[in-house]
Amino acid sequence: MAAWEPYSGRMSGAEDLERYETEIELQLYQEYKAVSRMFRYVVETERRFYLANEVTMEPQNEGGHPYFKITLQDAWVWDMYRPARFVASVTVVTFKDVNVEELPEQEHF
């Protein structure tokens, strides 16, 4: 059994990771605010949040199971683990809810 040690003021690995992820989320939010005016649509799926200038959503049905195929052109992906968030084209296939919102004209270029 390990001996009890007084608090050293140092953070545990879990606390360091939590602080790191919080800092990355803040940087991502700041980037989002900086780039959001460049885009026409906001697209939210169960896994990701996107900004895009073109959105095509095609309802699909395979074997009685409906799903959506969403194609985004000229997009930005909210993903803190992704080094390059600007992408030319993204295809998303989902069985879950999808929210597509057109931004007001004054909010984008």
PDB file of N, CA and C in Angstrom:
ATOM      1  N   MET A   1       0.846  -1.167   0.000  1.00  0.00           N
ATOM      2  CA  MET A   1       0.000   0.000   0.000  1.00  0.00           C
ATOM      3  C   MET A   1       0.898   1.239   0.000  1.00  0.00           C
ATOM      4  N   ALA A   2       0.556   2.208  -0.812  1.00  0.00           N
ATOM      5  CA  ALA A   2       1.355   3.438  -0.906  1.00  0.00           C
ATOM      6  C   ALA A   2       1.110   4.323   0.303  1.00  0.00           C
ATOM      7  N   ALA A   3       2.149   4.986   0.720  1.00  0.00           N
ATOM      8  CA  ALA A   3       2.042   5.901   1.863  1.00  0.00           C
ATOM      9  C   ALA A   3       1.311   7.163   1.434  1.00  0.00           C
ATOM     10  N   TRP A   4       0.594   7.754   2.371  1.00  0.00           N
ATOM     11  CA  TRP A   4      -0.116   8.993   2.094  1.00  0.00           C
ATOM     12  C   TRP A   4       0.878  10.109   1.861  1.00  0.00           C
ATOM     13  N   GLU A   5       0.633  10.918   0.830  1.00  0.00           N
ATOM     14  CA  GLU A   5       1.515  12.051   0.533  1.00  0.00           C
ATOM     15  C   GLU A   5       0.694  13.317   0.596  1.00  0.00           C
ATOM     16  N   PRO A   6       1.250  14.375   1.189  1.00  0.00           N
ATOM     17  CA  PRO A   6       0.514  15.642   1.235  1.00  0.00           C
ATOM     18  C   PRO A   6       0.357  16.221  -0.168  1.00  0.00           C
ATOM     19  N   TYR A   7      -0.647  17.080  -0.325  1.00  0.00           N
ATOM     20  CA  TYR A   7      -0.909  17.732  -1.616  1.00  0.00           C
ATOM     21  C   TYR A   7       0.294  18.549  -2.024  1.00  0.00           C
ATOM     22  N   SER A   8       0.798  18.295  -3.212  1.00  0.00           N
ATOM     23  CA  SER A   8       2.018  18.967  -3.683  1.00  0.00           C
ATOM     24  C   SER A   8       1.726  20.186  -4.547  1.00  0.00           C
ATOM     25  N   GLY A   9       0.463  20.431  -4.861  1.00  0.00           N
ATOM     26  CA  GLY A   9       0.133  21.549  -5.745  1.00  0.00           C
ATOM     27  C   GLY A   9       0.192  21.156  -7.208  1.00  0.00           C
ATOM     28  N   ARG A  10       0.660  19.973  -7.506  1.00  0.00           N
ATOM     29  CA  ARG A  10       0.736  19.498  -8.890  1.00  0.00           C
ATOM     30  C   ARG A  10      -0.569  18.815  -9.265  1.00  0.00           C
ATOM     31  N   MET A  11      -0.936  18.931 -10.524  1.00  0.00           N
ATOM     32  CA  MET A  11      -2.179  18.314 -10.996  1.00  0.00           C
ATOM     33  C   MET A  11      -1.921  16.870 -11.399  1.00  0.00           C
ATOM     34  N   SER A  12      -2.957  16.086 -11.321  1.00  0.00           N
ATOM     35  CA  SER A  12      -2.874  14.702 -11.776  1.00  0.00           C
ATOM     36  C   SER A  12      -2.951  14.682 -13.300  1.00  0.00           C
ATOM     37  N   GLY A  13      -2.654  13.543 -13.873  1.00  0.00           N
ATOM     38  CA  GLY A  13      -2.746  13.402 -15.324  1.00  0.00           C
ATOM     39  C   GLY A  13      -4.147  13.694 -15.842  1.00  0.00           C
ATOM     40  N   ALA A  14      -5.166  13.266 -15.094  1.00  0.00           N
ATOM     41  CA  ALA A  14      -6.551  13.519 -15.513  1.00  0.00           C
ATOM     42  C   ALA A  14      -6.865  15.012 -15.504  1.00  0.00           C
ATOM     43  N   GLU A  15      -6.381  15.715 -14.497  1.00  0.00           N
ATOM     44  CA  GLU A  15      -6.619  17.164 -14.433  1.00  0.00           C
ATOM     45  C   GLU A  15      -5.872  17.889 -15.541  1.00  0.00           C
ATOM     46  N   ASP A  16      -4.651  17.445 -15.833  1.00  0.00           N
ATOM     47  CA  ASP A  16      -3.880  18.040 -16.930  1.00  0.00           C
ATOM     48  C   ASP A  16      -4.606  17.841 -18.252  1.00  0.00           C
ATOM     49  N   LEU A  17      -5.119  16.644 -18.470  1.00  0.00           N
ATOM     50  CA  LEU A  17      -5.848  16.351 -19.708  1.00  0.00           C
ATOM     51  C   LEU A  17      -7.109  17.192 -19.806  1.00  0.00           C
ATOM     52  N   GLU A  18      -7.827  17.315 -18.702  1.00  0.00           N
ATOM     53  CA  GLU A  18      -9.048  18.125 -18.704  1.00  0.00           C
ATOM     54  C   GLU A  18      -8.729  19.591 -19.010  1.00  0.00           C
ATOM     55  N   ARG A  19      -7.666  20.123 -18.412  1.00  0.00           N
ATOM     56  CA  ARG A  19      -7.279  21.516 -18.679  1.00  0.00           C
ATOM     57  C   ARG A  19      -6.865  21.686 -20.141  1.00  0.00           C
ATOM     58  N   TYR A  20      -6.107  20.719 -20.673  1.00  0.00           N
ATOM     59  CA  TYR A  20      -5.690  20.767 -22.069  1.00  0.00           C
ATOM     60  C   TYR A  20      -6.905  20.780 -22.992  1.00  0.00           C
ATOM     61  N   GLU A  21      -7.877  19.880 -22.763  1.00  0.00           N
ATOM     62  CA  GLU A  21      -9.063  19.812 -23.605  1.00  0.00           C
ATOM     63  C   GLU A  21      -9.891  21.089 -23.490  1.00  0.00           C
ATOM     64  N   THR A  22      -9.950  21.683 -22.308  1.00  0.00           N
ATOM     65  CA  THR A  22     -10.675  22.944 -22.129  1.00  0.00           C
ATOM     66  C   THR A  22     -10.015  24.060 -22.936  1.00  0.00           C
ATOM     67  N   GLU A  23      -8.691  24.106 -22.922  1.00  0.00           N
ATOM     68  CA  GLU A  23      -7.964  25.121 -23.699  1.00  0.00           C
ATOM     69  C   GLU A  23      -8.169  24.929 -25.192  1.00  0.00           C
ATOM     70  N   ILE A  24      -8.153  23.678 -25.651  1.00  0.00           N
ATOM     71  CA  ILE A  24      -8.371  23.397 -27.073  1.00  0.00           C
ATOM     72  C   ILE A  24      -9.793  23.787 -27.476  1.00  0.00           C
ATOM     73  N   GLU A  25     -10.785  23.484 -26.647  1.00  0.00           N
ATOM     74  CA  GLU A  25     -12.175  23.864 -26.934  1.00  0.00           C
ATOM     75  C   GLU A  25     -12.311  25.383 -27.036  1.00  0.00           C
ATOM     76  N   LEU A  26     -11.640  26.109 -26.170  1.00  0.00           N
ATOM     77  CA  LEU A  26     -11.685  27.569 -26.215  1.00  0.00           C
ATOM     78  C   LEU A  26     -11.054  28.078 -27.509  1.00  0.00           C
ATOM     79  N   GLN A  27      -9.920  27.521 -27.896  1.00  0.00           N
ATOM     80  CA  GLN A  27      -9.282  27.912 -29.151  1.00  0.00           C
ATOM     81  C   GLN A  27     -10.188  27.604 -30.344  1.00  0.00           C
ATOM     82  N   LEU A  28     -10.852  26.445 -30.286  1.00  0.00           N
ATOM     83  CA  LEU A  28     -11.763  26.060 -31.359  1.00  0.00           C
ATOM     84  C   LEU A  28     -12.945  27.019 -31.449  1.00  0.00           C
ATOM     85  N   TYR A  29     -13.493  27.416 -30.321  1.00  0.00           N
ATOM     86  CA  TYR A  29     -14.599  28.377 -30.302  1.00  0.00           C
ATOM     87  C   TYR A  29     -14.149  29.722 -30.879  1.00  0.00           C
ATOM     88  N   GLN A  30     -12.951  30.160 -30.513  1.00  0.00           N
ATOM     89  CA  GLN A  30     -12.431  31.422 -31.052  1.00  0.00           C
ATOM     90  C   GLN A  30     -12.237  31.331 -32.560  1.00  0.00           C
ATOM     91  N   GLU A  31     -11.753  30.181 -33.037  1.00  0.00           N
ATOM     92  CA  GLU A  31     -11.604  29.982 -34.482  1.00  0.00           C
ATOM     93  C   GLU A  31     -12.970  30.001 -35.160  1.00  0.00           C
ATOM     94  N   TYR A  32     -13.949  29.326 -34.555  1.00  0.00           N
ATOM     95  CA  TYR A  32     -15.308  29.312 -35.093  1.00  0.00           C
ATOM     96  C   TYR A  32     -15.836  30.741 -35.250  1.00  0.00           C
ATOM     97  N   LYS A  33     -15.682  31.553 -34.211  1.00  0.00           N
ATOM     98  CA  LYS A  33     -16.158  32.938 -34.291  1.00  0.00           C
ATOM     99  C   LYS A  33     -15.461  33.704 -35.407  1.00  0.00           C
ATOM    100  N   ALA A  34     -14.178  33.439 -35.603  1.00  0.00           N
ATOM    101  CA  ALA A  34     -13.417  34.140 -36.639  1.00  0.00           C
ATOM    102  C   ALA A  34     -13.822  33.729 -38.049  1.00  0.00           C
ATOM    103  N   VAL A  35     -14.194  32.462 -38.247  1.00  0.00           N
ATOM    104  CA  VAL A  35     -14.470  31.979 -39.607  1.00  0.00           C
ATOM    105  C   VAL A  35     -15.951  31.885 -39.948  1.00  0.00           C
ATOM    106  N   SER A  36     -16.830  31.961 -38.978  1.00  0.00           N
ATOM    107  CA  SER A  36     -18.254  31.702 -39.238  1.00  0.00           C
ATOM    108  C   SER A  36     -18.855  32.636 -40.284  1.00  0.00           C
ATOM    109  N   ARG A  37     -18.368  33.846 -40.382  1.00  0.00           N
ATOM    110  CA  ARG A  37     -18.914  34.789 -41.383  1.00  0.00           C
ATOM    111  C   ARG A  37     -18.568  34.417 -42.811  1.00  0.00           C
ATOM    112  N   MET A  38     -17.644  33.472 -42.979  1.00  0.00           N
ATOM    113  CA  MET A  38     -17.246  33.030 -44.317  1.00  0.00           C
ATOM    114  C   MET A  38     -18.206  31.995 -44.894  1.00  0.00           C
ATOM    115  N   PHE A  39     -19.171  31.531 -44.076  1.00  0.00           N
ATOM    116  CA  PHE A  39     -20.008  30.409 -44.476  1.00  0.00           C
ATOM    117  C   PHE A  39     -21.483  30.758 -44.484  1.00  0.00           C
ATOM    118  N   ARG A  40     -22.234  29.995 -45.257  1.00  0.00           N
ATOM    119  CA  ARG A  40     -23.659  30.254 -45.440  1.00  0.00           C
ATOM    120  C   ARG A  40     -24.552  29.373 -44.561  1.00  0.00           C
ATOM    121  N   TYR A  41     -24.084  28.150 -44.232  1.00  0.00           N
ATOM    122  CA  TYR A  41     -24.900  27.206 -43.483  1.00  0.00           C
ATOM    123  C   TYR A  41     -24.188  26.682 -42.237  1.00  0.00           C
ATOM    124  N   VAL A  42     -24.987  26.364 -41.243  1.00  0.00           N
ATOM    125  CA  VAL A  42     -24.547  25.628 -40.066  1.00  0.00           C
ATOM    126  C   VAL A  42     -25.221  24.263 -40.155  1.00  0.00           C
ATOM    127  N   VAL A  43     -24.430  23.192 -40.016  1.00  0.00           N
ATOM    128  CA  VAL A  43     -24.968  21.836 -40.087  1.00  0.00           C
ATOM    129  C   VAL A  43     -24.548  21.114 -38.813  1.00  0.00           C
ATOM    130  N   GLU A  44     -25.544  20.552 -38.124  1.00  0.00           N
ATOM    131  CA  GLU A  44     -25.266  19.840 -36.886  1.00  0.00           C
ATOM    132  C   GLU A  44     -25.772  18.405 -36.998  1.00  0.00           C
ATOM    133  N   THR A  45     -24.885  17.456 -36.752  1.00  0.00           N
ATOM    134  CA  THR A  45     -25.246  16.046 -36.706  1.00  0.00           C
ATOM    135  C   THR A  45     -24.989  15.542 -35.287  1.00  0.00           C
ATOM    136  N   GLU A  46     -25.261  14.274 -35.038  1.00  0.00           N
ATOM    137  CA  GLU A  46     -25.035  13.738 -33.693  1.00  0.00           C
ATOM    138  C   GLU A  46     -23.551  13.667 -33.348  1.00  0.00           C
ATOM    139  N   ARG A  47     -22.673  13.694 -34.339  1.00  0.00           N
ATOM    140  CA  ARG A  47     -21.239  13.550 -34.085  1.00  0.00           C
ATOM    141  C   ARG A  47     -20.424  14.807 -34.317  1.00  0.00           C
ATOM    142  N   ARG A  48     -20.883  15.702 -35.188  1.00  0.00           N
ATOM    143  CA  ARG A  48     -20.063  16.848 -35.570  1.00  0.00           C
ATOM    144  C   ARG A  48     -20.916  18.088 -35.782  1.00  0.00           C
ATOM    145  N   PHE A  49     -20.208  19.197 -35.846  1.00  0.00           N
ATOM    146  CA  PHE A  49     -20.790  20.500 -36.132  1.00  0.00           C
ATOM    147  C   PHE A  49     -19.985  21.047 -37.304  1.00  0.00           C
ATOM    148  N   TYR A  50     -20.666  21.528 -38.338  1.00  0.00           N
ATOM    149  CA  TYR A  50     -20.002  21.997 -39.553  1.00  0.00           C
ATOM    150  C   TYR A  50     -20.488  23.391 -39.923  1.00  0.00           C
ATOM    151  N   LEU A  51     -19.645  24.110 -40.627  1.00  0.00           N
ATOM    152  CA  LEU A  51     -20.025  25.312 -41.355  1.00  0.00           C
ATOM    153  C   LEU A  51     -19.770  24.977 -42.821  1.00  0.00           C
ATOM    154  N   ALA A  52     -20.639  25.424 -43.729  1.00  0.00           N
ATOM    155  CA  ALA A  52     -20.459  25.101 -45.144  1.00  0.00           C
ATOM    156  C   ALA A  52     -21.112  26.165 -46.005  1.00  0.00           C
ATOM    157  N   ASN A  53     -20.663  26.238 -47.255  1.00  0.00           N
ATOM    158  CA  ASN A  53     -21.271  27.166 -48.202  1.00  0.00           C
ATOM    159  C   ASN A  53     -22.285  26.486 -49.115  1.00  0.00           C
ATOM    160  N   GLU A  54     -22.196  25.166 -49.254  1.00  0.00           N
ATOM    161  CA  GLU A  54     -23.180  24.408 -50.028  1.00  0.00           C
ATOM    162  C   GLU A  54     -23.531  23.153 -49.246  1.00  0.00           C
ATOM    163  N   VAL A  55     -24.831  22.847 -49.170  1.00  0.00           N
ATOM    164  CA  VAL A  55     -25.305  21.658 -48.453  1.00  0.00           C
ATOM    165  C   VAL A  55     -26.345  20.960 -49.322  1.00  0.00           C
ATOM    166  N   THR A  56     -26.147  19.671 -49.522  1.00  0.00           N
ATOM    167  CA  THR A  56     -27.121  18.834 -50.208  1.00  0.00           C
ATOM    168  C   THR A  56     -27.466  17.690 -49.270  1.00  0.00           C
ATOM    169  N   MET A  57     -28.760  17.524 -48.994  1.00  0.00           N
ATOM    170  CA  MET A  57     -29.192  16.452 -48.106  1.00  0.00           C
ATOM    171  C   MET A  57     -30.142  15.547 -48.878  1.00  0.00           C
ATOM    172  N   GLU A  58     -29.755  14.284 -49.007  1.00  0.00           N
ATOM    173  CA  GLU A  58     -30.552  13.309 -49.746  1.00  0.00           C
ATOM    174  C   GLU A  58     -31.086  12.248 -48.792  1.00  0.00           C
ATOM    175  N   PRO A  59     -32.414  12.174 -48.608  1.00  0.00           N
ATOM    176  CA  PRO A  59     -32.972  11.077 -47.815  1.00  0.00           C
ATOM    177  C   PRO A  59     -32.746   9.754 -48.553  1.00  0.00           C
ATOM    178  N   GLN A  60     -32.354   8.738 -47.841  1.00  0.00           N
ATOM    179  CA  GLN A  60     -32.094   7.417 -48.408  1.00  0.00           C
ATOM    180  C   GLN A  60     -32.940   6.400 -47.651  1.00  0.00           C
ATOM    181  N   ASN A  61     -33.115   5.228 -48.244  1.00  0.00           N
ATOM    182  CA  ASN A  61     -33.834   4.155 -47.566  1.00  0.00           C
ATOM    183  C   ASN A  61     -33.261   2.842 -48.055  1.00  0.00           C
ATOM    184  N   GLU A  62     -32.732   2.075 -47.135  1.00  0.00           N
ATOM    185  CA  GLU A  62     -32.176   0.778 -47.493  1.00  0.00           C
ATOM    186  C   GLU A  62     -32.793  -0.288 -46.598  1.00  0.00           C
ATOM    187  N   GLY A  63     -33.554  -1.161 -47.189  1.00  0.00           N
ATOM    188  CA  GLY A  63     -34.183  -2.229 -46.427  1.00  0.00           C
ATOM    189  C   GLY A  63     -35.148  -1.731 -45.369  1.00  0.00           C
ATOM    190  N   GLY A  64     -35.839  -0.634 -45.655  1.00  0.00           N
ATOM    191  CA  GLY A  64     -36.791  -0.075 -44.702  1.00  0.00           C
ATOM    192  C   GLY A  64     -36.150   0.763 -43.607  1.00  0.00           C
ATOM    193  N   HIS A  65     -34.850   1.012 -43.720  1.00  0.00           N
ATOM    194  CA  HIS A  65     -34.137   1.827 -42.737  1.00  0.00           C
ATOM    195  C   HIS A  65     -33.773   3.180 -43.356  1.00  0.00           C
ATOM    196  N   PRO A  66     -34.492   4.239 -42.978  1.00  0.00           N
ATOM    197  CA  PRO A  66     -34.190   5.562 -43.547  1.00  0.00           C
ATOM    198  C   PRO A  66     -32.910   6.140 -42.957  1.00  0.00           C
ATOM    199  N   TYR A  67     -32.196   6.871 -43.794  1.00  0.00           N
ATOM    200  CA  TYR A  67     -31.005   7.596 -43.346  1.00  0.00           C
ATOM    201  C   TYR A  67     -30.786   8.772 -44.284  1.00  0.00           C
ATOM    202  N   PHE A  68     -29.841   9.626 -43.937  1.00  0.00           N
ATOM    203  CA  PHE A  68     -29.542  10.804 -44.744  1.00  0.00           C
ATOM    204  C   PHE A  68     -28.112  10.757 -45.242  1.00  0.00           C
ATOM    205  N   LYS A  69     -27.938  11.172 -46.476  1.00  0.00           N
ATOM    206  CA  LYS A  69     -26.606  11.379 -47.043  1.00  0.00           C
ATOM    207  C   LYS A  69     -26.478  12.887 -47.247  1.00  0.00           C
ATOM    208  N   ILE A  70     -25.554  13.492 -46.520  1.00  0.00           N
ATOM    209  CA  ILE A  70     -25.367  14.940 -46.573  1.00  0.00           C
ATOM    210  C   ILE A  70     -24.015  15.228 -47.197  1.00  0.00           C
ATOM    211  N   THR A  71     -24.014  16.069 -48.221  1.00  0.00           N
ATOM    212  CA  THR A  71     -22.771  16.465 -48.866  1.00  0.00           C
ATOM    213  C   THR A  71     -22.567  17.950 -48.623  1.00  0.00           C
ATOM    214  N   LEU A  72     -21.391  18.282 -48.097  1.00  0.00           N
ATOM    215  CA  LEU A  72     -21.037  19.671 -47.810  1.00  0.00           C
ATOM    216  C   LEU A  72     -19.872  20.069 -48.694  1.00  0.00           C
ATOM    217  N   GLN A  73     -19.956  21.246 -49.262  1.00  0.00           N
ATOM    218  CA  GLN A  73     -18.861  21.792 -50.065  1.00  0.00           C
ATOM    219  C   GLN A  73     -18.318  23.032 -49.378  1.00  0.00           C
ATOM    220  N   ASP A  74     -17.009  23.224 -49.492  1.00  0.00           N
ATOM    221  CA  ASP A  74     -16.354  24.388 -48.895  1.00  0.00           C
ATOM    222  C   ASP A  74     -16.754  24.476 -47.420  1.00  0.00           C
ATOM    223  N   ALA A  75     -16.205  23.588 -46.610  1.00  0.00           N
ATOM    224  CA  ALA A  75     -16.673  23.419 -45.238  1.00  0.00           C
ATOM    225  C   ALA A  75     -15.569  23.612 -44.199  1.00  0.00           C
ATOM    226  N   TRP A  76     -16.024  23.808 -42.972  1.00  0.00           N
ATOM    227  CA  TRP A  76     -15.173  23.876 -41.781  1.00  0.00           C
ATOM    228  C   TRP A  76     -15.769  22.917 -40.767  1.00  0.00           C
ATOM    229  N   VAL A  77     -14.922  22.100 -40.137  1.00  0.00           N
ATOM    230  CA  VAL A  77     -15.381  21.054 -39.228  1.00  0.00           C
ATOM    231  C   VAL A  77     -14.987  21.395 -37.799  1.00  0.00           C
ATOM    232  N   TRP A  78     -15.969  21.360 -36.886  1.00  0.00           N
ATOM    233  CA  TRP A  78     -15.688  21.563 -35.464  1.00  0.00           C
ATOM    234  C   TRP A  78     -15.196  20.220 -34.926  1.00  0.00           C
ATOM    235  N   ASP A  79     -13.898  20.071 -34.800  1.00  0.00           N
ATOM    236  CA  ASP A  79     -13.314  18.827 -34.292  1.00  0.00           C
ATOM    237  C   ASP A  79     -11.954  19.154 -33.706  1.00  0.00           C
ATOM    238  N   MET A  80     -11.846  19.080 -32.387  1.00  0.00           N
ATOM    239  CA  MET A  80     -10.617  19.483 -31.727  1.00  0.00           C
ATOM    240  C   MET A  80      -9.458  18.537 -31.991  1.00  0.00           C
ATOM    241  N   TYR A  81      -9.720  17.355 -32.493  1.00  0.00           N
ATOM    242  CA  TYR A  81      -8.657  16.397 -32.762  1.00  0.00           C
ATOM    243  C   TYR A  81      -8.195  16.426 -34.214  1.00  0.00           C
ATOM    244  N   ARG A  82      -8.789  17.281 -35.012  1.00  0.00           N
ATOM    245  CA  ARG A  82      -8.474  17.357 -36.434  1.00  0.00           C
ATOM    246  C   ARG A  82      -7.506  18.511 -36.676  1.00  0.00           C
ATOM    247  N   PRO A  83      -6.332  18.242 -37.257  1.00  0.00           N
ATOM    248  CA  PRO A  83      -5.368  19.329 -37.464  1.00  0.00           C
ATOM    249  C   PRO A  83      -5.795  20.336 -38.541  1.00  0.00           C
ATOM    250  N   ALA A  84      -6.487  19.867 -39.587  1.00  0.00           N
ATOM    251  CA  ALA A  84      -6.951  20.752 -40.659  1.00  0.00           C
ATOM    252  C   ALA A  84      -8.471  20.753 -40.638  1.00  0.00           C
ATOM    253  N   ARG A  85      -9.064  21.875 -40.271  1.00  0.00           N
ATOM    254  CA  ARG A  85     -10.525  21.926 -40.163  1.00  0.00           C
ATOM    255  C   ARG A  85     -11.215  22.430 -41.432  1.00  0.00           C
ATOM    256  N   PHE A  86     -10.484  23.085 -42.328  1.00  0.00           N
ATOM    257  CA  PHE A  86     -11.067  23.512 -43.594  1.00  0.00           C
ATOM    258  C   PHE A  86     -10.967  22.348 -44.579  1.00  0.00           C
ATOM    259  N   VAL A  87     -12.103  21.986 -45.194  1.00  0.00           N
ATOM    260  CA  VAL A  87     -12.128  20.894 -46.162  1.00  0.00           C
ATOM    261  C   VAL A  87     -12.930  21.308 -47.390  1.00  0.00           C
ATOM    262  N   ALA A  88     -12.530  20.790 -48.535  1.00  0.00           N
ATOM    263  CA  ALA A  88     -13.219  21.127 -49.781  1.00  0.00           C
ATOM    264  C   ALA A  88     -14.576  20.436 -49.871  1.00  0.00           C
ATOM    265  N   SER A  89     -14.638  19.177 -49.415  1.00  0.00           N
ATOM    266  CA  SER A  89     -15.875  18.407 -49.529  1.00  0.00           C
ATOM    267  C   SER A  89     -15.965  17.402 -48.385  1.00  0.00           C
ATOM    268  N   VAL A  90     -17.175  17.235 -47.856  1.00  0.00           N
ATOM    269  CA  VAL A  90     -17.436  16.278 -46.786  1.00  0.00           C
ATOM    270  C   VAL A  90     -18.729  15.546 -47.120  1.00  0.00           C
ATOM    271  N   THR A  91     -18.738  14.231 -46.944  1.00  0.00           N
ATOM    272  CA  THR A  91     -19.962  13.452 -47.066  1.00  0.00           C
ATOM    273  C   THR A  91     -20.244  12.810 -45.715  1.00  0.00           C
ATOM    274  N   VAL A  92     -21.449  13.030 -45.215  1.00  0.00           N
ATOM    275  CA  VAL A  92     -21.869  12.491 -43.930  1.00  0.00           C
ATOM    276  C   VAL A  92     -23.046  11.566 -44.186  1.00  0.00           C
ATOM    277  N   VAL A  93     -23.001  10.381 -43.608  1.00  0.00           N
ATOM    278  CA  VAL A  93     -24.120   9.441 -43.675  1.00  0.00           C
ATOM    279  C   VAL A  93     -24.569   9.208 -42.242  1.00  0.00           C
ATOM    280  N   THR A  94     -25.867   9.436 -41.974  1.00  0.00           N
ATOM    281  CA  THR A  94     -26.352   9.308 -40.606  1.00  0.00           C
ATOM    282  C   THR A  94     -27.780   8.790 -40.555  1.00  0.00           C
ATOM    283  N   PHE A  95     -28.048   8.032 -39.519  1.00  0.00           N
ATOM    284  CA  PHE A  95     -29.399   7.555 -39.230  1.00  0.00           C
ATOM    285  C   PHE A  95     -30.069   8.458 -38.202  1.00  0.00           C
ATOM    286  N   LYS A  96     -29.331   9.409 -37.678  1.00  0.00           N
ATOM    287  CA  LYS A  96     -29.811  10.280 -36.602  1.00  0.00           C
ATOM    288  C   LYS A  96     -30.310  11.609 -37.164  1.00  0.00           C
ATOM    289  N   ASP A  97     -30.749  12.472 -36.260  1.00  0.00           N
ATOM    290  CA  ASP A  97     -31.232  13.801 -36.638  1.00  0.00           C
ATOM    291  C   ASP A  97     -30.114  14.650 -37.237  1.00  0.00           C
ATOM    292  N   VAL A  98     -30.515  15.508 -38.172  1.00  0.00           N
ATOM    293  CA  VAL A  98     -29.609  16.463 -38.793  1.00  0.00           C
ATOM    294  C   VAL A  98     -30.283  17.821 -38.766  1.00  0.00           C
ATOM    295  N   ASN A  99     -29.554  18.833 -38.368  1.00  0.00           N
ATOM    296  CA  ASN A  99     -30.087  20.189 -38.365  1.00  0.00           C
ATOM    297  C   ASN A  99     -29.274  21.020 -39.361  1.00  0.00           C
ATOM    298  N   VAL A 100     -29.944  21.617 -40.335  1.00  0.00           N
ATOM    299  CA  VAL A 100     -29.302  22.505 -41.306  1.00  0.00           C
ATOM    300  C   VAL A 100     -29.956  23.863 -41.166  1.00  0.00           C
ATOM    301  N   GLU A 101     -29.140  24.855 -40.910  1.00  0.00           N
ATOM    302  CA  GLU A 101     -29.651  26.207 -40.710  1.00  0.00           C
ATOM    303  C   GLU A 101     -28.904  27.165 -41.631  1.00  0.00           C
ATOM    304  N   GLU A 102     -29.664  27.958 -42.373  1.00  0.00           N
ATOM    305  CA  GLU A 102     -29.036  28.981 -43.211  1.00  0.00           C
ATOM    306  C   GLU A 102     -28.804  30.209 -42.351  1.00  0.00           C
ATOM    307  N   LEU A 103     -27.567  30.670 -42.357  1.00  0.00           N
ATOM    308  CA  LEU A 103     -27.228  31.849 -41.565  1.00  0.00           C
ATOM    309  C   LEU A 103     -27.803  33.101 -42.206  1.00  0.00           C
ATOM    310  N   PRO A 104     -28.207  34.072 -41.402  1.00  0.00           N
ATOM    311  CA  PRO A 104     -28.687  35.347 -41.958  1.00  0.00           C
ATOM    312  C   PRO A 104     -27.589  35.999 -42.806  1.00  0.00           C
ATOM    313  N   GLU A 105     -27.999  36.718 -43.829  1.00  0.00           N
ATOM    314  CA  GLU A 105     -27.067  37.325 -44.773  1.00  0.00           C
ATOM    315  C   GLU A 105     -25.963  38.132 -44.104  1.00  0.00           C
ATOM    316  N   GLN A 106     -26.283  38.899 -43.076  1.00  0.00           N
ATOM    317  CA  GLN A 106     -25.273  39.749 -42.440  1.00  0.00           C
ATOM    318  C   GLN A 106     -24.239  38.941 -41.659  1.00  0.00           C
ATOM    319  N   GLU A 107     -24.485  37.654 -41.405  1.00  0.00           N
ATOM    320  CA  GLU A 107     -23.559  36.858 -40.626  1.00  0.00           C
ATOM    321  C   GLU A 107     -22.473  36.195 -41.472  1.00  0.00           C
ATOM    322  N   HIS A 108     -22.555  36.285 -42.800  1.00  0.00           N
ATOM    323  CA  HIS A 108     -21.509  35.709 -43.631  1.00  0.00           C
ATOM    324  C   HIS A 108     -21.146  36.667 -44.744  1.00  0.00           C
ATOM    325  N   PHE A 109     -20.010  36.400 -45.398  1.00  0.00           N
ATOM    326  CA  PHE A 109     -19.542  37.273 -46.478  1.00  0.00           C
ATOM    327  C   PHE A 109     -20.442  37.188 -47.666  1.00  0.00           C
TER     328      PHE A 109
END
